[in-house]
Protein backbone atom coordinates (compact mmCIF):
# COMPACT_ATOMS: atom_id res chain seq x y z
CA VAL A 1 -0.36 -0.05 0.27
CA ILE A 2 3.03 2.87 0.85
CA HIS A 3 4.44 2.05 -2.44
CA TYR A 4 1.61 2.46 -4.47
CA TYR A 5 1.06 5.80 -1.88
CA ASN A 6 4.09 6.80 -2.79
CA ASP A 7 4.05 6.24 -6.67
CA LYS A 8 0.38 8.28 -6.53
CA CYS A 9 2.39 10.85 -4.61
CA ASN A 10 5.50 11.81 -6.85
CA LYS A 11 3.21 11.91 -9.79
CA GLY A 12 1.08 14.21 -8.06
CA ILE A 13 -2.36 12.19 -7.93
CA ILE A 14 -2.09 12.37 -4.43
CA ASN A 15 -1.23 15.40 -2.08
CA LYS A 16 0.81 13.86 -0.30
CA ASP A 17 1.05 16.98 2.77
CA ASN A 18 -3.10 16.02 3.17
CA LYS A 19 -2.54 13.85 6.50
CA LYS A 20 -6.20 12.68 5.91
CA TYR A 21 -4.48 9.86 3.36
CA ILE A 22 -2.24 8.28 5.81
CA GLU A 23 -4.65 8.35 8.33
CA ASN A 24 -7.27 6.57 6.36
CA ILE A 25 -5.04 4.15 5.65
CA LYS A 26 -4.16 3.43 9.14
CA GLU A 27 -7.57 2.74 9.83
CA GLU A 28 -8.32 0.61 6.89
CA LEU A 29 -5.58 -1.19 7.74
CA LYS A 30 -6.51 -2.07 10.68
CA VAL A 31 -10.31 -3.42 9.94
CA PHE A 32 -9.00 -5.53 6.82
CA ALA A 33 -6.55 -7.26 9.77
CA LYS A 34 -9.03 -7.81 11.70
CA LEU A 35 -11.27 -8.91 9.28
CA GLY A 36 -8.75 -11.61 7.15
CA MET A 37 -9.23 -9.19 4.01
CA CYS A 38 -5.81 -8.09 3.15
CA SER A 39 -5.04 -10.27 0.88
CA PHE A 40 -8.74 -10.21 -0.70
CA ILE A 41 -8.01 -6.14 -0.90
CA ALA A 42 -4.39 -6.97 -2.16
CA TYR A 43 -5.34 -9.89 -4.94
CA MET A 44 -8.38 -7.08 -6.34
CA GLY A 45 -5.72 -4.32 -6.94
CA ASN A 46 -3.45 -7.05 -8.66
CA LEU A 47 -6.47 -7.38 -10.80
CA VAL A 48 -7.51 -4.49 -11.56
CA ARG A 49 -4.30 -3.10 -12.45
CA TRP A 50 -3.75 -6.07 -14.80
CA CYS A 51 -6.58 -4.62 -16.52
CA TRP A 52 -5.56 -1.41 -16.85
CA ASP A 53 -1.97 -2.61 -18.26
CA ASN A 54 -3.96 -4.94 -20.71
CA ASP A 55 -6.31 -1.92 -22.11
CA ILE A 56 -9.48 -3.31 -20.09
CA PRO A 57 -11.34 -0.91 -18.10
CA VAL A 58 -12.52 -0.33 -14.85
CA SER A 59 -15.93 1.76 -14.28
CA PRO A 60 -15.08 4.43 -11.47
CA ASN A 61 -16.93 2.55 -8.93
CA ARG A 62 -19.68 0.42 -8.09
CA GLY A 63 -21.03 -0.16 -4.12
CA SER A 64 -19.81 0.57 -0.99
CA VAL A 65 -16.15 0.27 -1.55
CA GLY A 66 -15.76 4.15 -3.37
CA GLY A 67 -15.17 4.71 0.70
CA SER A 68 -12.06 3.00 0.39
CA THR A 69 -8.50 5.14 0.39
CA ILE A 70 -6.67 2.17 0.19
CA ALA A 71 -8.76 0.63 -2.96
CA TYR A 72 -8.04 4.25 -4.71
CA ILE A 73 -4.37 4.02 -3.80
CA LEU A 74 -4.44 0.25 -5.01
CA ASP A 75 -6.33 1.43 -8.53
CA ILE A 76 -9.56 -0.71 -7.57
CA ILE A 77 -11.45 1.91 -7.51
CA ASP A 78 -10.64 5.33 -9.29
CA ILE A 79 -12.68 7.57 -6.48
CA ASP A 80 -10.39 9.52 -3.81
CA PRO A 81 -12.41 9.11 -0.94
CA VAL A 82 -10.66 12.10 -0.02
CA ILE A 83 -11.92 14.70 -2.35
CA TRP A 84 -14.98 12.99 -2.91
CA ASN A 85 -16.37 12.17 0.84
CA THR A 86 -17.26 8.99 0.48
CA ILE A 87 -17.64 6.92 3.90
CA PHE A 88 -15.35 3.73 4.43
CA SER A 89 -17.03 2.54 7.31
CA ARG A 90 -19.95 1.83 4.86
CA PHE A 91 -17.72 -0.80 2.74
CA ALA A 92 -16.12 -2.50 5.82
CA ASN A 93 -15.71 -1.94 9.64
CA GLU A 94 -14.50 -4.05 12.35
CA HIS A 95 -17.47 -4.70 13.92
CA ARG A 96 -18.68 -6.71 10.69
CA LYS A 97 -18.73 -10.11 10.59
CA GLU A 98 -18.74 -10.37 6.63
CA LEU A 99 -16.29 -9.39 4.41
CA GLY A 100 -17.34 -6.39 2.06
CA ASP A 101 -17.81 -7.61 -1.44
CA ILE A 102 -16.02 -5.42 -4.36
CA ASP A 103 -18.27 -5.44 -7.41
CA LEU A 104 -16.45 -4.61 -10.95
CA ASP A 105 -17.86 -3.55 -13.87
CA PHE A 106 -16.65 -4.26 -16.97
CA ILE A 107 -17.34 -3.56 -20.86
CA PRO A 108 -19.55 -6.78 -21.70
CA ARG A 109 -17.55 -8.13 -24.01
CA GLN A 110 -14.38 -7.80 -22.35
CA ARG A 111 -15.66 -9.90 -19.31
CA PRO A 112 -14.50 -13.39 -20.39
CA MET A 113 -11.03 -12.07 -20.63
CA VAL A 114 -10.44 -11.21 -17.22
CA PHE A 115 -12.46 -14.64 -16.07
CA GLU A 116 -9.97 -16.29 -18.17
CA HIS A 117 -6.98 -14.16 -16.29
CA ILE A 118 -8.21 -15.41 -13.09
CA LYS A 119 -8.53 -19.02 -13.53
CA ASN A 120 -5.19 -18.90 -15.15
CA GLU A 121 -3.33 -17.09 -12.46
CA MET A 122 -4.85 -19.44 -9.48
CA PRO A 123 -4.57 -22.67 -8.98
CA PRO A 124 -7.42 -24.67 -10.75
CA ASP A 125 -8.69 -26.26 -7.51
CA LYS A 126 -8.60 -22.82 -5.51
CA THR A 127 -11.12 -20.77 -7.97
CA SER A 128 -14.85 -21.46 -9.06
CA ARG A 129 -18.10 -20.36 -10.54
CA ILE A 130 -20.90 -20.26 -8.11
CA LEU A 131 -23.84 -22.80 -7.95
CA SER A 132 -27.29 -20.15 -8.65
CA MET A 133 -30.55 -22.41 -8.31
CA GLY A 134 -33.18 -21.30 -10.75
CA THR A 135 -36.62 -21.36 -8.51
CA ILE A 136 -40.22 -21.28 -9.48
CA ALA A 137 -41.30 -17.14 -9.77
CA ASN A 138 -44.87 -16.10 -9.33
CA LEU A 139 -46.56 -16.27 -12.85
CA ASN A 140 -44.02 -19.02 -13.49
CA CYS A 141 -45.94 -20.83 -10.77
CA ILE A 142 -49.31 -20.10 -11.94
CA GLU A 143 -48.45 -21.94 -15.14
CA ILE A 144 -47.55 -24.98 -13.92
CA ILE A 145 -50.50 -25.48 -11.66
CA CYS A 146 -52.88 -25.14 -14.20
CA LYS A 147 -50.68 -27.30 -16.94
CA GLY A 148 -51.33 -30.03 -13.87
CA LEU A 149 -54.80 -29.12 -12.56
CA LYS A 150 -55.95 -29.49 -16.65
CA LYS A 151 -54.12 -32.58 -17.13
CA ARG A 152 -56.07 -33.99 -14.28
CA TRP A 153 -59.24 -32.55 -15.42
CA PHE A 154 -58.96 -34.20 -18.20
CA ASN A 155 -58.56 -37.75 -16.70
CA GLU A 156 -61.49 -36.89 -14.83
CA ASN A 157 -63.86 -36.23 -17.71
CA LYS A 158 -62.96 -38.33 -20.29
CA GLN A 159 -65.14 -37.81 -22.34
CA TYR A 160 -63.40 -34.33 -23.51
CA ASN A 161 -60.34 -34.42 -25.60
CA ILE A 162 -57.23 -32.18 -24.74
CA SER A 163 -56.56 -31.32 -28.55
CA LYS A 164 -60.10 -30.50 -29.38
CA ASP A 165 -61.90 -29.61 -26.17
CA GLU A 166 -59.13 -26.83 -24.59
CA ASP A 167 -61.73 -24.19 -23.97
CA ILE A 168 -64.06 -26.68 -22.17
CA CYS A 169 -61.64 -27.08 -19.18
CA PRO A 170 -61.10 -24.75 -16.43
CA TYR A 171 -57.81 -24.50 -16.22
CA SER A 172 -56.50 -24.10 -20.48
CA LEU A 173 -54.84 -21.43 -21.34
CA ARG A 174 -57.00 -18.74 -21.44
CA MET A 175 -58.41 -19.30 -18.03
CA GLU A 176 -54.37 -19.08 -17.34
CA ARG A 177 -53.82 -15.90 -18.54
CA ILE A 178 -57.25 -14.47 -16.88
CA ILE A 179 -55.90 -15.87 -14.02
CA LYS A 180 -51.91 -14.51 -13.95
CA LYS A 181 -53.49 -11.54 -15.45
CA GLU A 182 -55.80 -10.96 -12.21
CA PHE A 183 -53.07 -11.66 -10.07
CA THR A 184 -50.64 -9.38 -11.00
CA ASP A 185 -53.41 -6.84 -10.58
CA ASN A 186 -54.96 -8.09 -7.33
CA SER A 187 -53.27 -11.36 -5.77
CA ASP A 188 -55.50 -11.53 -2.79
CA MET A 189 -59.03 -10.89 -4.61
CA ALA A 190 -56.83 -13.80 -7.25
CA ARG A 191 -56.27 -16.12 -4.49
CA GLU A 192 -59.85 -16.21 -3.36
CA LYS A 193 -61.60 -16.21 -6.54
CA TYR A 194 -58.84 -19.78 -7.70
CA PRO A 195 -58.88 -21.21 -4.10
CA ASP A 196 -58.02 -24.63 -6.30
CA VAL A 197 -55.16 -23.22 -8.07
CA PHE A 198 -53.92 -21.25 -4.99
CA TYR A 199 -54.06 -24.19 -3.17
CA TYR A 200 -50.39 -25.52 -4.46
CA TYR A 201 -48.99 -22.16 -5.18
CA ASN A 202 -47.14 -21.55 -1.38
CA GLY A 203 -45.85 -25.04 -1.79
CA LEU A 204 -44.10 -24.60 -5.15
CA ILE A 205 -43.64 -21.02 -5.33
CA GLY A 206 -39.54 -20.84 -4.95
CA THR A 207 -38.76 -24.32 -5.15
CA ASN A 208 -35.66 -24.92 -7.08
CA ILE A 209 -36.01 -26.37 -10.71
CA SER A 210 -32.76 -26.09 -12.36
CA GLN A 211 -28.85 -25.82 -11.97
CA GLN A 212 -27.42 -22.96 -13.21
CA TYR A 213 -23.91 -20.96 -11.90
CA HIS A 214 -23.96 -17.02 -10.90
CA ASN A 215 -23.33 -14.82 -13.90
CA ALA A 216 -20.97 -12.48 -12.37
CA GLY A 217 -19.46 -13.78 -9.43
CA ILE A 218 -16.39 -16.35 -8.98
CA ILE A 219 -14.37 -17.23 -5.68
CA VAL A 220 -10.93 -17.35 -5.20
CA SER A 221 -10.07 -18.71 -2.36
CA PRO A 222 -6.87 -19.70 -0.06
CA ILE A 223 -7.90 -23.00 0.50
CA THR A 224 -8.52 -26.30 -1.74
CA LEU A 225 -12.06 -25.92 -2.58
CA THR A 226 -12.77 -29.42 -4.56
CA ASP A 227 -12.30 -31.45 -1.14
CA ASN A 228 -13.40 -28.95 1.11
CA TYR A 229 -16.69 -27.84 -0.16
CA GLY A 230 -17.41 -29.69 -3.47
CA THR A 231 -17.34 -28.82 -6.85
CA PHE A 232 -18.76 -30.15 -10.16
CA CYS A 233 -18.71 -29.32 -13.94
CA GLY A 234 -20.28 -27.07 -15.85
CA VAL A 235 -20.53 -25.21 -19.24
CA ASP A 236 -20.67 -21.39 -19.53
CA SER A 237 -22.22 -19.60 -21.91
CA ASP A 238 -19.94 -20.21 -24.87
CA GLY A 239 -19.81 -23.86 -24.32
CA ASN A 240 -16.78 -23.90 -22.42
CA GLU A 241 -16.35 -26.57 -18.87
CA ILE A 242 -15.98 -24.40 -15.57
CA ASP A 243 -15.99 -25.50 -12.57
CA ILE A 244 -18.99 -24.74 -10.51
CA LEU A 245 -18.64 -24.67 -6.28
CA GLN A 246 -21.45 -26.62 -4.86
CA LEU A 247 -22.77 -23.33 -2.48
CA ASN A 248 -24.75 -20.64 -3.47
CA MET A 249 -24.03 -17.19 -2.72
CA ASP A 250 -25.30 -16.74 0.44
CA GLU A 251 -24.27 -19.80 1.80
CA ALA A 252 -20.58 -19.11 0.15
CA HIS A 253 -21.37 -15.78 2.28
CA ASP A 254 -21.94 -17.94 5.22
CA VAL A 255 -18.78 -19.95 5.24
CA CYS A 256 -16.23 -16.37 4.41
CA LEU A 257 -15.55 -17.12 0.98
CA VAL A 258 -14.15 -14.27 -1.15
CA LYS A 259 -16.76 -13.79 -4.25
CA TYR A 260 -15.35 -11.18 -6.53
CA ASP A 261 -17.99 -10.03 -9.03
CA ILE A 262 -17.06 -9.33 -12.86
CA LEU A 263 -20.59 -7.84 -13.90
CA GLY A 264 -20.79 -5.67 -17.38
CA LEU A 265 -21.68 -2.34 -18.26
CA ASN A 266 -22.72 -1.58 -21.30
CA THR A 267 -22.22 2.31 -21.01
CA LEU A 268 -18.63 1.67 -20.00
CA GLY A 269 -17.97 0.32 -23.60
CA ILE A 270 -19.84 3.01 -25.19
CA VAL A 271 -17.64 5.86 -23.27
CA TYR A 272 -14.38 3.43 -23.77
CA ASP A 273 -14.83 3.66 -27.62
CA ALA A 274 -15.92 7.09 -28.01
CA TYR A 275 -12.64 7.86 -26.13
CA LYS A 276 -10.62 5.82 -28.49
CA LEU A 277 -12.67 7.04 -31.61
CA ALA A 278 -11.68 10.47 -30.73
CA GLY A 279 -8.08 9.41 -30.39
CA LYS A 280 -7.76 9.25 -26.34
CA LYS A 281 -7.31 7.02 -23.98
CA TYR A 282 -10.41 6.00 -21.37
CA PRO A 283 -9.89 8.96 -18.78
CA ARG A 284 -8.72 8.72 -15.13
CA THR A 285 -10.58 11.10 -12.72
CA TYR A 286 -7.29 12.99 -11.91
CA HIS A 287 -6.96 14.14 -15.48
CA VAL A 288 -10.74 15.16 -15.73
CA ASN A 289 -11.97 18.45 -14.89
CA PHE A 290 -15.34 18.00 -13.00
CA ASN A 291 -16.09 21.82 -13.29
CA ASP A 292 -17.39 22.18 -16.82
CA LYS A 293 -20.44 24.66 -17.25
CA GLU A 294 -20.64 23.70 -20.52
CA VAL A 295 -20.28 19.88 -19.90
CA PHE A 296 -23.36 20.43 -17.10
CA ASP A 297 -25.41 22.14 -19.42
CA GLU A 298 -24.68 19.43 -22.35
CA ILE A 299 -25.98 17.10 -19.88
CA LYS A 300 -29.10 19.05 -19.10
CA ARG A 301 -30.09 19.41 -22.64
CA TYR A 302 -31.14 15.99 -23.90
CA PRO A 303 -31.51 12.84 -21.73
CA ILE A 304 -30.16 10.24 -24.38
CA GLY A 305 -26.82 8.99 -23.67
CA ILE A 306 -26.29 10.69 -20.13
CA PHE A 307 -26.05 7.24 -17.85
CA GLN A 308 -28.94 6.76 -15.28
CA PHE A 309 -30.60 9.82 -16.79
CA GLU A 310 -31.77 8.63 -20.08
CA GLY A 311 -35.73 8.39 -19.13
CA ASP A 312 -37.72 11.21 -19.41
CA PHE A 313 -38.84 11.70 -16.11
CA SER A 314 -34.55 11.46 -14.44
CA HIS A 315 -33.98 13.31 -16.51
CA SER A 316 -36.13 16.38 -15.65
CA LEU A 317 -35.17 16.14 -12.29
CA LEU A 318 -31.50 17.25 -13.86
CA LYS A 319 -33.23 20.39 -15.57
CA ASN A 320 -35.37 21.24 -12.57
CA TYR A 321 -32.56 21.21 -9.91
CA ASP A 322 -30.18 22.92 -12.63
CA ILE A 323 -26.80 20.76 -11.71
CA GLN A 324 -24.08 22.34 -11.55
CA THR A 325 -21.65 19.70 -10.01
CA VAL A 326 -21.34 16.10 -10.27
CA ASN A 327 -23.03 15.95 -6.28
CA ASP A 328 -25.95 17.34 -7.56
CA MET A 329 -26.40 15.05 -10.43
CA THR A 330 -25.90 11.82 -7.41
CA LEU A 331 -28.61 14.18 -5.13
CA CYS A 332 -30.73 13.50 -8.31
CA ASN A 333 -30.23 9.87 -9.03
CA ALA A 334 -31.15 9.49 -5.54
CA ALA A 335 -34.38 11.76 -5.64
CA LEU A 336 -35.50 9.62 -8.35
CA ARG A 337 -35.59 6.39 -6.61
CA PRO A 338 -38.78 5.70 -4.39
CA SER A 339 -36.99 6.59 -1.29
CA GLY A 340 -36.95 10.47 -2.81
CA THR A 341 -40.62 10.43 -2.95
CA SER A 342 -40.82 11.86 0.30
CA TYR A 343 -38.25 14.86 -0.43
CA ARG A 344 -38.34 15.51 -4.32
CA ASP A 345 -40.72 18.23 -5.17
CA ARG A 346 -39.40 20.20 -2.06
CA LEU A 347 -35.47 19.50 -3.09
CA MET A 348 -36.93 20.28 -7.02
CA ASN A 349 -37.51 23.72 -5.28
CA HIS A 350 -34.18 24.12 -3.96
CA GLU A 351 -36.05 24.66 -0.61
CA PHE A 352 -33.75 23.71 2.65
CA ASN A 353 -34.73 20.84 4.98
CA HIS A 354 -34.43 22.08 8.57
CA ASN A 355 -33.44 19.64 10.90
CA PRO A 356 -33.43 19.65 14.90
CA SER A 357 -30.45 21.21 15.30
CA GLU A 358 -28.22 23.65 13.38
CA GLU A 359 -25.59 21.04 13.77
CA ILE A 360 -27.36 18.55 11.58
CA ASP A 361 -28.08 21.31 9.43
CA GLU A 362 -24.44 22.16 8.87
CA LEU A 363 -24.18 18.35 8.36
CA LEU A 364 -26.82 17.42 5.72
CA LYS A 365 -25.81 20.97 3.94
CA GLU A 366 -24.95 19.54 0.25
CA ASN A 367 -28.27 17.59 0.33
CA ARG A 368 -30.04 21.34 1.30
CA GLY A 369 -30.88 19.71 4.51
CA PHE A 370 -32.60 16.57 3.55
CA LEU A 371 -31.37 13.03 4.84
CA VAL A 372 -30.56 10.99 1.78
CA TYR A 373 -27.98 8.75 1.59
CA GLN A 374 -27.25 5.60 4.07
CA GLU A 375 -23.98 7.53 4.45
CA ASP A 376 -25.61 10.18 6.09
CA THR A 377 -26.61 8.27 8.62
CA ILE A 378 -23.25 7.14 9.66
CA LYS A 379 -21.89 10.37 9.36
CA PHE A 380 -23.99 11.88 11.75
CA LEU A 381 -23.45 9.32 14.25
CA THR A 382 -19.32 9.51 13.97
CA ASP A 383 -19.15 13.59 13.12
CA ILE A 384 -21.72 14.73 15.31
CA CYS A 385 -22.05 12.03 18.01
CA GLY A 386 -18.42 10.71 18.23
CA LEU A 387 -19.44 6.75 17.53
CA SER A 388 -16.74 5.20 15.46
CA GLY A 389 -17.12 3.92 11.75
CA GLY A 390 -17.98 0.44 12.91
CA ASP A 391 -20.49 1.43 15.64
CA ALA A 392 -22.13 3.97 13.38
CA ASP A 393 -22.43 1.14 10.64
CA ASN A 394 -23.49 -1.29 13.21
CA VAL A 395 -26.27 1.34 14.37
CA ARG A 396 -27.55 2.10 10.94
CA ARG A 397 -28.14 -1.48 10.20
CA ALA A 398 -30.38 -1.97 13.32
CA ILE A 399 -32.23 0.52 12.54
CA GLY A 400 -32.32 -0.72 9.17
CA HIS A 401 -33.61 -3.92 10.39
CA LYS A 402 -35.42 -2.56 13.30
CA ASN A 403 -33.24 -4.56 15.79
CA TYR A 404 -34.40 -2.14 19.03
CA GLU A 405 -32.32 -4.22 20.98
CA LYS A 406 -29.06 -3.03 19.70
CA LEU A 407 -30.56 0.40 19.13
CA ASN A 408 -31.09 0.71 22.94
CA ASP A 409 -28.17 -0.58 23.66
CA ALA A 410 -26.69 2.25 21.70
CA LEU A 411 -29.04 4.99 22.78
CA PRO A 412 -27.03 6.45 25.70
CA GLN A 413 -23.51 6.57 23.96
CA ILE A 414 -25.21 8.29 20.82
CA LEU A 415 -27.24 10.72 23.53
CA ASP A 416 -23.97 11.56 25.20
CA GLY A 417 -21.92 12.18 22.21
CA TYR A 418 -24.54 14.48 20.59
CA CYS A 419 -25.15 16.35 23.87
CA ASN A 420 -21.74 16.89 24.55
CA MET A 421 -21.48 18.25 20.96
CA SER A 422 -24.51 20.69 21.21
CA LYS A 423 -24.87 24.15 23.13
CA GLN A 424 -28.07 23.56 24.13
CA PRO A 425 -29.32 22.25 27.92
CA ARG A 426 -29.45 18.39 27.81
CA SER A 427 -32.75 18.09 27.72
CA ILE A 428 -33.12 19.98 24.85
CA ALA A 429 -30.28 18.29 23.00
CA GLU A 430 -31.77 14.67 23.82
CA GLU A 431 -34.66 15.68 22.40
CA GLU A 432 -33.29 16.76 19.20
CA ALA A 433 -31.27 13.62 19.04
CA LYS A 434 -34.32 11.71 19.07
CA GLN A 435 -36.07 13.20 16.63
CA PHE A 436 -33.44 12.91 13.95
CA LEU A 437 -33.30 9.23 15.25
CA LYS A 438 -36.79 9.22 14.20
CA VAL A 439 -35.93 11.08 10.90
CA ILE A 440 -33.48 8.03 10.39
CA GLU A 441 -35.71 5.26 11.05
CA ASP A 442 -38.27 6.15 9.00
CA SER A 443 -36.00 6.73 5.87
CA ALA A 444 -33.55 3.94 6.88
CA SER A 445 -35.07 1.15 4.78
CA TYR A 446 -35.14 2.99 1.35
CA GLN A 447 -32.04 5.79 2.20
CA PHE A 448 -29.71 5.80 -1.22
CA GLY A 449 -25.71 4.52 -1.21
CA PHE A 450 -23.91 7.73 -1.43
CA ASN A 451 -20.46 5.98 -2.52
CA HIS A 452 -21.37 3.93 -5.04
CA SER A 453 -24.12 6.96 -6.70
CA THR A 454 -20.79 9.20 -6.60
CA GLY A 455 -19.11 6.45 -8.90
CA TYR A 456 -22.08 6.09 -11.58
CA SER A 457 -22.51 10.00 -11.75
CA VAL A 458 -18.76 10.42 -12.56
CA LEU A 459 -19.45 8.19 -15.45
CA GLY A 460 -22.64 9.97 -16.52
CA TYR A 461 -20.21 12.87 -16.75
CA TYR A 462 -17.93 11.31 -19.05
CA CYS A 463 -20.87 11.04 -21.24
CA GLY A 464 -22.02 14.48 -20.99
CA GLU A 465 -18.39 16.01 -21.45
CA LEU A 466 -18.18 13.35 -24.70
CA ARG A 467 -21.39 14.70 -26.12
CA ARG A 468 -20.36 17.83 -25.68
CA TYR A 469 -16.80 17.79 -27.25
CA HIS A 470 -16.79 14.92 -29.35
CA THR A 471 -20.26 14.37 -30.41
CA LEU A 472 -20.05 12.61 -33.49
CA GLU A 473 -17.41 9.71 -31.85
CA PHE A 474 -19.92 9.85 -29.06
CA VAL A 475 -23.35 9.06 -31.26
CA THR A 476 -21.10 6.80 -33.14
CA SER A 477 -20.13 4.67 -30.32
CA TYR A 478 -23.46 4.78 -28.98
CA LEU A 479 -24.90 2.80 -32.12
CA SER A 480 -22.18 0.56 -32.57
CA ASN A 481 -22.74 -0.57 -28.52
CA ALA A 482 -26.92 -1.14 -28.72
CA GLU A 483 -27.91 -4.21 -27.25
CA LYS A 484 -31.71 -3.69 -28.39
CA GLN A 485 -33.64 -2.14 -30.76
CA GLU A 486 -35.06 0.62 -28.10
CA ASP A 487 -30.93 1.44 -27.81
CA PHE A 488 -30.99 2.24 -31.97
CA ILE A 489 -33.78 4.05 -31.99
CA ASN A 490 -32.72 6.11 -29.12
CA GLY A 491 -28.95 6.27 -31.16
CA GLU A 492 -30.70 7.72 -34.06
CA ASN A 493 -32.70 9.65 -32.37
CA LEU A 494 -29.79 11.47 -30.57
CA ALA A 495 -28.23 11.61 -33.92
CA LYS A 496 -30.98 13.92 -35.21
CA PHE A 497 -31.08 16.18 -32.12
CA LYS A 498 -27.56 16.72 -33.12
CA GLY A 499 -27.95 17.53 -36.90
CA ILE A 500 -25.81 14.38 -37.40
CA SER A 501 -27.12 12.08 -41.07
CA ILE A 502 -27.15 8.41 -40.42
CA ASN A 503 -26.43 7.01 -44.14
CA ASN A 504 -26.47 3.14 -45.38
CA PRO A 505 -23.51 1.48 -45.70
CA ILE A 506 -21.02 2.57 -48.48
CA PHE A 507 -17.36 1.52 -49.81
CA ARG A 508 -14.87 3.83 -48.71
CA LYS A 509 -17.01 5.32 -46.00
CA SER A 510 -18.22 2.49 -44.18
CA LYS A 511 -16.21 -0.09 -41.53
CA GLY A 512 -17.79 -3.40 -39.46
CA GLU A 513 -19.48 -1.49 -37.59
CA TYR A 514 -21.18 2.32 -37.63
CA PHE A 515 -18.08 4.85 -38.38
CA PHE A 516 -18.62 8.59 -38.71
CA ASP A 517 -17.21 10.76 -41.63
CA LYS A 518 -16.48 14.88 -39.67
CA ASP A 519 -16.69 16.24 -43.55
CA THR A 520 -20.05 15.54 -44.09
CA ASN A 521 -20.97 15.39 -40.31
CA SER A 522 -22.33 12.09 -41.21
CA ILE A 523 -22.55 8.10 -39.68
CA TYR A 524 -22.37 5.30 -41.92
CA LYS A 525 -23.96 1.87 -40.93
CA GLY A 526 -21.39 -0.70 -40.50
CA ILE A 527 -21.05 -3.45 -43.64
CA GLY A 528 -21.19 -6.37 -40.94
CA SER A 529 -25.09 -5.16 -40.66
CA ILE A 530 -25.14 -6.68 -44.08
CA LYS A 531 -26.62 -10.38 -44.82
CA PHE A 532 -23.44 -12.88 -45.49
CA MET A 533 -20.46 -10.01 -44.23
CA ASN A 534 -19.33 -9.83 -41.33
CA ASN A 535 -16.95 -6.92 -39.08
CA GLN A 536 -13.62 -8.37 -40.31
CA VAL A 537 -14.48 -8.13 -43.92
CA GLY A 538 -16.01 -4.43 -43.45
CA ASP A 539 -13.15 -3.44 -41.93
CA ASP A 540 -10.40 -4.73 -44.56
CA LEU A 541 -12.82 -3.38 -46.86
CA TYR A 542 -11.76 0.11 -45.46
CA LYS A 543 -8.13 -0.46 -45.77
CA LEU A 544 -9.07 -0.71 -49.55
CA LYS A 545 -10.64 2.98 -49.23
CA ASP A 546 -7.74 4.98 -50.96
CA ASN A 547 -6.91 2.42 -54.15
CA THR A 548 -7.95 3.26 -57.49
CA TYR A 549 -9.96 0.63 -59.33
CA ASN A 550 -10.54 0.27 -62.91
CA ILE A 551 -13.99 -1.12 -64.19
CA GLY A 552 -14.97 -2.53 -67.43
CA MET A 553 -15.62 -5.17 -69.24
């Protein structure tokens, strides 16, 4: 850790005069050592640095690990907690029994390369994919029951033929669709109306019916997996043989096996490819100007292409709030969630919510006084009430799970800490603290994650920067990375909004995928989209664009 800390200091990435970095490193090393996480963090750092060295970008951050200074120093994340004010104890603290998860976002097409690297780097009996069981879901359960009841009905009513008299049966496909719709609209009424169907429902729902593997998770273990937990041979989506652990995700968590989540994020591919088309490298946050007014104006101008704000409603929040910073984007991201219903309108009107004390108002001033994030609860308990990060996260969890026994155990310490800080008489200060704890309790199950949202807001800013300064490249990349018909429609609408024409494939202009022509402010569809052609053929043809050909009989 110190080696990489000194390296970042020498490169000017970290301010070596800021004592907060060393304080954070000491605190986190203590927690990691107690939880047995040191090797986990070290390996994750090695993995992500290998990815960067091999032109495999990772998103700035996903999840609560965004609060770890060591994770930043080791390049696991690209969000500096000292600069972005993210909270470590939300990720890990010495009182937690389970290890903190680290989720990594990759370009979907590059995920197999990461899995292969982990598999090749580790002994074969110390890494495996994780068991995942397919279960019977709500509507599928109704379908299974109706099929069984239909078969029984025809066995009991032999005068009818199952192939000719389907509609007569009370469990026909038509009735099955009706029951499903009524169940979706009002499950209680459906249960009363069709008691013969729902007699079996509770016994079947959630039953394991298929054996699969977790699409993103991979175990890396210090001990052999086959002889300690058991593995079996499976096949991945590409037909390759893989080892699968005979434990599911929760069971692996219970025995403290470390799971690495290698997730796919299409937006990362859009951003990476757009920078590449522009002749630039995918950026690190310390190279980016996050105070560019023109980028924020661009983000507010149109929704398509702005990560997490492509919907009309979500984008309207950005415009109504008139965002000026990445933190404003993070706040709007939280406000559009169900948890934002209670304060959304007031926030959009730029009202300031006044809390039981000036100290709490000051703590929440970046949120205009509203309690928005899980990390706000931790900051109240640490910065105002004097609890350690670990104690604060334990209290947050206790409140969220309505564990009043744990909360009452911690209450004297919370009240003493608050009263010692407050300028008010103890009786008034205690009442202020209790009022705010009630606010926390009422919102605990809906609070959003600041650590997580900050990383995703940074990615949204990258989208805005590219759309503002490298428009053709961004729209081209958006279309090339389209996964669904809706994505193609959105890409074409974005092109139209930007005054870019989209043309059919043509020799000398088109590559395998979408490609742009700056001279005509146009984008040409890829030759790979033509029947019997592919991207490689298109790219090879493009290399011939400057050749001269004499065509004659």
